[in-house]
Amino acid sequence: MTVFVYVNTSKQVGDKEHIKVFANQDAAEKWFDEANLTVFKARLCRVEISVMPAGPLG
């Protein structure tokens, strides 16, 4: 699975504006355009993640 992540380094961890996670590039670009943050698009990172099935830990 691939997600796109934007981290606002001017916000503290835990602030709802600190991190944004997008399911795809189109969603990320739409948010940047609507938020008028197109100048920050270069800070958008593509992140590959693996989702493991839920189950007991250990």
PDB file of N, CA and C in Angstrom:
ATOM      1  N   MET A   1       0.853  -1.170   0.000  1.00  0.00           N
ATOM      2  CA  MET A   1       0.000   0.000   0.000  1.00  0.00           C
ATOM      3  C   MET A   1       0.896   1.227   0.000  1.00  0.00           C
ATOM      4  N   THR A   2       0.509   2.214  -0.757  1.00  0.00           N
ATOM      5  CA  THR A   2       1.233   3.482  -0.814  1.00  0.00           C
ATOM      6  C   THR A   2       0.337   4.581  -0.276  1.00  0.00           C
ATOM      7  N   VAL A   3       0.899   5.425   0.568  1.00  0.00           N
ATOM      8  CA  VAL A   3       0.194   6.614   1.037  1.00  0.00           C
ATOM      9  C   VAL A   3       1.100   7.815   0.824  1.00  0.00           C
ATOM     10  N   PHE A   4       0.512   8.983   0.827  1.00  0.00           N
ATOM     11  CA  PHE A   4       1.257  10.231   0.707  1.00  0.00           C
ATOM     12  C   PHE A   4       1.100  10.991   2.012  1.00  0.00           C
ATOM     13  N   VAL A   5       2.219  11.478   2.534  1.00  0.00           N
ATOM     14  CA  VAL A   5       2.231  12.094   3.856  1.00  0.00           C
ATOM     15  C   VAL A   5       2.796  13.510   3.764  1.00  0.00           C
ATOM     16  N   TYR A   6       2.122  14.447   4.412  1.00  0.00           N
ATOM     17  CA  TYR A   6       2.615  15.810   4.545  1.00  0.00           C
ATOM     18  C   TYR A   6       2.761  16.095   6.026  1.00  0.00           C
ATOM     19  N   VAL A   7       3.941  16.559   6.431  1.00  0.00           N
ATOM     20  CA  VAL A   7       4.194  16.908   7.826  1.00  0.00           C
ATOM     21  C   VAL A   7       4.436  18.408   7.897  1.00  0.00           C
ATOM     22  N   ASN A   8       3.633  19.077   8.715  1.00  0.00           N
ATOM     23  CA  ASN A   8       3.790  20.511   8.937  1.00  0.00           C
ATOM     24  C   ASN A   8       4.725  20.678  10.120  1.00  0.00           C
ATOM     25  N   THR A   9       5.979  20.981   9.840  1.00  0.00           N
ATOM     26  CA  THR A   9       6.992  21.066  10.894  1.00  0.00           C
ATOM     27  C   THR A   9       6.832  22.288  11.787  1.00  0.00           C
ATOM     28  N   SER A  10       5.916  23.191  11.422  1.00  0.00           N
ATOM     29  CA  SER A  10       5.684  24.351  12.295  1.00  0.00           C
ATOM     30  C   SER A  10       4.676  24.021  13.396  1.00  0.00           C
ATOM     31  N   LYS A  11       4.085  22.821  13.331  1.00  0.00           N
ATOM     32  CA  LYS A  11       3.116  22.385  14.342  1.00  0.00           C
ATOM     33  C   LYS A  11       3.753  21.337  15.252  1.00  0.00           C
ATOM     34  N   GLN A  12       3.236  21.238  16.470  1.00  0.00           N
ATOM     35  CA  GLN A  12       3.745  20.258  17.421  1.00  0.00           C
ATOM     36  C   GLN A  12       3.094  18.901  17.186  1.00  0.00           C
ATOM     37  N   VAL A  13       3.829  17.850  17.540  1.00  0.00           N
ATOM     38  CA  VAL A  13       3.278  16.501  17.462  1.00  0.00           C
ATOM     39  C   VAL A  13       2.011  16.461  18.309  1.00  0.00           C
ATOM     40  N   GLY A  14       0.965  15.890  17.769  1.00  0.00           N
ATOM     41  CA  GLY A  14      -0.320  15.831  18.460  1.00  0.00           C
ATOM     42  C   GLY A  14      -1.309  16.869  17.964  1.00  0.00           C
ATOM     43  N   ASP A  15      -0.807  17.950  17.371  1.00  0.00           N
ATOM     44  CA  ASP A  15      -1.683  18.965  16.789  1.00  0.00           C
ATOM     45  C   ASP A  15      -2.352  18.355  15.556  1.00  0.00           C
ATOM     46  N   LYS A  16      -3.640  18.582  15.378  1.00  0.00           N
ATOM     47  CA  LYS A  16      -4.352  17.968  14.255  1.00  0.00           C
ATOM     48  C   LYS A  16      -3.837  18.446  12.906  1.00  0.00           C
ATOM     49  N   GLU A  17      -3.119  19.545  12.877  1.00  0.00           N
ATOM     50  CA  GLU A  17      -2.554  20.058  11.624  1.00  0.00           C
ATOM     51  C   GLU A  17      -1.109  19.610  11.417  1.00  0.00           C
ATOM     52  N   HIS A  18      -0.555  18.799  12.316  1.00  0.00           N
ATOM     53  CA  HIS A  18       0.846  18.382  12.225  1.00  0.00           C
ATOM     54  C   HIS A  18       1.109  17.429  11.069  1.00  0.00           C
ATOM     55  N   ILE A  19       0.200  16.500  10.832  1.00  0.00           N
ATOM     56  CA  ILE A  19       0.424  15.495   9.798  1.00  0.00           C
ATOM     57  C   ILE A  19      -0.868  15.233   9.025  1.00  0.00           C
ATOM     58  N   LYS A  20      -0.721  15.077   7.730  1.00  0.00           N
ATOM     59  CA  LYS A  20      -1.849  14.734   6.857  1.00  0.00           C
ATOM     60  C   LYS A  20      -1.433  13.492   6.072  1.00  0.00           C
ATOM     61  N   VAL A  21      -2.318  12.511   5.992  1.00  0.00           N
ATOM     62  CA  VAL A  21      -2.053  11.280   5.259  1.00  0.00           C
ATOM     63  C   VAL A  21      -3.114  11.144   4.177  1.00  0.00           C
ATOM     64  N   PHE A  22      -2.668  10.881   2.961  1.00  0.00           N
ATOM     65  CA  PHE A  22      -3.561  10.791   1.816  1.00  0.00           C
ATOM     66  C   PHE A  22      -3.450   9.414   1.173  1.00  0.00           C
ATOM     67  N   ALA A  23      -4.574   8.888   0.716  1.00  0.00           N
ATOM     68  CA  ALA A  23      -4.619   7.555   0.126  1.00  0.00           C
ATOM     69  C   ALA A  23      -3.970   7.509  -1.254  1.00  0.00           C
ATOM     70  N   ASN A  24      -3.941   8.644  -1.938  1.00  0.00           N
ATOM     71  CA  ASN A  24      -3.337   8.658  -3.271  1.00  0.00           C
ATOM     72  C   ASN A  24      -2.866  10.071  -3.607  1.00  0.00           C
ATOM     73  N   GLN A  25      -2.115  10.171  -4.688  1.00  0.00           N
ATOM     74  CA  GLN A  25      -1.534  11.454  -5.065  1.00  0.00           C
ATOM     75  C   GLN A  25      -2.605  12.464  -5.462  1.00  0.00           C
ATOM     76  N   ASP A  26      -3.654  12.015  -6.124  1.00  0.00           N
ATOM     77  CA  ASP A  26      -4.732  12.935  -6.517  1.00  0.00           C
ATOM     78  C   ASP A  26      -5.367  13.600  -5.301  1.00  0.00           C
ATOM     79  N   ALA A  27      -5.624  12.817  -4.255  1.00  0.00           N
ATOM     80  CA  ALA A  27      -6.218  13.372  -3.034  1.00  0.00           C
ATOM     81  C   ALA A  27      -5.279  14.381  -2.387  1.00  0.00           C
ATOM     82  N   ALA A  28      -3.989  14.055  -2.373  1.00  0.00           N
ATOM     83  CA  ALA A  28      -3.005  14.969  -1.785  1.00  0.00           C
ATOM     84  C   ALA A  28      -2.945  16.273  -2.566  1.00  0.00           C
ATOM     85  N   GLU A  29      -2.868  16.169  -3.880  1.00  0.00           N
ATOM     86  CA  GLU A  29      -2.784  17.374  -4.699  1.00  0.00           C
ATOM     87  C   GLU A  29      -4.051  18.223  -4.599  1.00  0.00           C
ATOM     88  N   LYS A  30      -5.205  17.583  -4.508  1.00  0.00           N
ATOM     89  CA  LYS A  30      -6.464  18.327  -4.344  1.00  0.00           C
ATOM     90  C   LYS A  30      -6.443  19.103  -3.027  1.00  0.00           C
ATOM     91  N   TRP A  31      -5.994  18.460  -1.945  1.00  0.00           N
ATOM     92  CA  TRP A  31      -5.934  19.138  -0.647  1.00  0.00           C
ATOM     93  C   TRP A  31      -4.972  20.322  -0.702  1.00  0.00           C
ATOM     94  N   PHE A  32      -3.769  20.117  -1.321  1.00  0.00           N
ATOM     95  CA  PHE A  32      -2.807  21.214  -1.430  1.00  0.00           C
ATOM     96  C   PHE A  32      -3.407  22.386  -2.191  1.00  0.00           C
ATOM     97  N   ASP A  33      -4.093  22.094  -3.300  1.00  0.00           N
ATOM     98  CA  ASP A  33      -4.688  23.166  -4.102  1.00  0.00           C
ATOM     99  C   ASP A  33      -5.766  23.912  -3.319  1.00  0.00           C
ATOM    100  N   GLU A  34      -6.625  23.168  -2.621  1.00  0.00           N
ATOM    101  CA  GLU A  34      -7.710  23.793  -1.854  1.00  0.00           C
ATOM    102  C   GLU A  34      -7.180  24.565  -0.652  1.00  0.00           C
ATOM    103  N   ALA A  35      -6.089  24.085  -0.071  1.00  0.00           N
ATOM    104  CA  ALA A  35      -5.506  24.751   1.097  1.00  0.00           C
ATOM    105  C   ALA A  35      -4.550  25.873   0.687  1.00  0.00           C
ATOM    106  N   ASN A  36      -4.396  26.051  -0.635  1.00  0.00           N
ATOM    107  CA  ASN A  36      -3.507  27.086  -1.175  1.00  0.00           C
ATOM    108  C   ASN A  36      -2.064  26.886  -0.700  1.00  0.00           C
ATOM    109  N   LEU A  37      -1.622  25.642  -0.661  1.00  0.00           N
ATOM    110  CA  LEU A  37      -0.263  25.313  -0.212  1.00  0.00           C
ATOM    111  C   LEU A  37       0.579  24.741  -1.345  1.00  0.00           C
ATOM    112  N   THR A  38       0.276  25.059  -2.578  1.00  0.00           N
ATOM    113  CA  THR A  38       0.971  24.452  -3.708  1.00  0.00           C
ATOM    114  C   THR A  38       2.475  24.660  -3.646  1.00  0.00           C
ATOM    115  N   VAL A  39       2.919  25.724  -3.004  1.00  0.00           N
ATOM    116  CA  VAL A  39       4.358  25.973  -2.888  1.00  0.00           C
ATOM    117  C   VAL A  39       5.045  24.888  -2.052  1.00  0.00           C
ATOM    118  N   PHE A  40       4.282  24.175  -1.206  1.00  0.00           N
ATOM    119  CA  PHE A  40       4.853  23.153  -0.337  1.00  0.00           C
ATOM    120  C   PHE A  40       4.747  21.739  -0.908  1.00  0.00           C
ATOM    121  N   LYS A  41       4.272  21.576  -2.132  1.00  0.00           N
ATOM    122  CA  LYS A  41       4.088  20.239  -2.700  1.00  0.00           C
ATOM    123  C   LYS A  41       5.387  19.429  -2.688  1.00  0.00           C
ATOM    124  N   ALA A  42       6.519  20.100  -2.772  1.00  0.00           N
ATOM    125  CA  ALA A  42       7.797  19.393  -2.770  1.00  0.00           C
ATOM    126  C   ALA A  42       8.028  18.652  -1.462  1.00  0.00           C
ATOM    127  N   ARG A  43       7.324  19.011  -0.409  1.00  0.00           N
ATOM    128  CA  ARG A  43       7.489  18.360   0.892  1.00  0.00           C
ATOM    129  C   ARG A  43       6.614  17.120   1.052  1.00  0.00           C
ATOM    130  N   LEU A  44       5.839  16.797   0.054  1.00  0.00           N
ATOM    131  CA  LEU A  44       4.980  15.626   0.111  1.00  0.00           C
ATOM    132  C   LEU A  44       5.825  14.375  -0.093  1.00  0.00           C
ATOM    133  N   CYS A  45       5.716  13.431   0.804  1.00  0.00           N
ATOM    134  CA  CYS A  45       6.520  12.216   0.743  1.00  0.00           C
ATOM    135  C   CYS A  45       5.641  11.018   0.408  1.00  0.00           C
ATOM    136  N   ARG A  46       6.165  10.178  -0.444  1.00  0.00           N
ATOM    137  CA  ARG A  46       5.489   8.921  -0.761  1.00  0.00           C
ATOM    138  C   ARG A  46       6.014   7.878   0.213  1.00  0.00           C
ATOM    139  N   VAL A  47       5.110   7.158   0.857  1.00  0.00           N
ATOM    140  CA  VAL A  47       5.498   6.181   1.871  1.00  0.00           C
ATOM    141  C   VAL A  47       4.864   4.837   1.530  1.00  0.00           C
ATOM    142  N   GLU A  48       5.684   3.793   1.460  1.00  0.00           N
ATOM    143  CA  GLU A  48       5.189   2.445   1.240  1.00  0.00           C
ATOM    144  C   GLU A  48       4.983   1.793   2.615  1.00  0.00           C
ATOM    145  N   ILE A  49       3.807   1.226   2.841  1.00  0.00           N
ATOM    146  CA  ILE A  49       3.554   0.576   4.118  1.00  0.00           C
ATOM    147  C   ILE A  49       2.998  -0.829   3.875  1.00  0.00           C
ATOM    148  N   SER A  50       3.214  -1.683   4.816  1.00  0.00           N
ATOM    149  CA  SER A  50       2.645  -3.027   4.777  1.00  0.00           C
ATOM    150  C   SER A  50       1.612  -3.138   5.880  1.00  0.00           C
ATOM    151  N   VAL A  51       0.448  -3.619   5.527  1.00  0.00           N
ATOM    152  CA  VAL A  51      -0.612  -3.782   6.510  1.00  0.00           C
ATOM    153  C   VAL A  51      -0.668  -5.254   6.869  1.00  0.00           C
ATOM    154  N   MET A  52      -0.524  -5.527   8.151  1.00  0.00           N
ATOM    155  CA  MET A  52      -0.540  -6.905   8.622  1.00  0.00           C
ATOM    156  C   MET A  52      -1.934  -7.238   9.146  1.00  0.00           C
ATOM    157  N   PRO A  53      -2.353  -8.480   8.977  1.00  0.00           N
ATOM    158  CA  PRO A  53      -3.666  -8.857   9.493  1.00  0.00           C
ATOM    159  C   PRO A  53      -3.707  -8.743  11.013  1.00  0.00           C
ATOM    160  N   ALA A  54      -4.858  -8.380  11.528  1.00  0.00           N
ATOM    161  CA  ALA A  54      -5.025  -8.257  12.968  1.00  0.00           C
ATOM    162  C   ALA A  54      -4.942  -9.633  13.600  1.00  0.00           C
ATOM    163  N   GLY A  55      -4.383  -9.683  14.759  1.00  0.00           N
ATOM    164  CA  GLY A  55      -4.268 -10.952  15.471  1.00  0.00           C
ATOM    165  C   GLY A  55      -3.534 -10.744  16.780  1.00  0.00           C
ATOM    166  N   PRO A  56      -3.333 -11.785  17.523  1.00  0.00           N
ATOM    167  CA  PRO A  56      -2.636 -11.653  18.785  1.00  0.00           C
ATOM    168  C   PRO A  56      -1.182 -11.228  18.590  1.00  0.00           C
ATOM    169  N   LEU A  57      -0.719 -10.393  19.485  1.00  0.00           N
ATOM    170  CA  LEU A  57       0.677  -9.968  19.448  1.00  0.00           C
ATOM    171  C   LEU A  57       1.546 -11.019  20.104  1.00  0.00           C
ATOM    172  N   GLY A  58       2.747 -11.145  19.622  1.00  0.00           N
ATOM    173  CA  GLY A  58       3.674 -12.062  20.293  1.00  0.00           C
ATOM    174  C   GLY A  58       4.125 -13.078  19.419  1.00  0.00           C
TER     175      GLY A  58
END
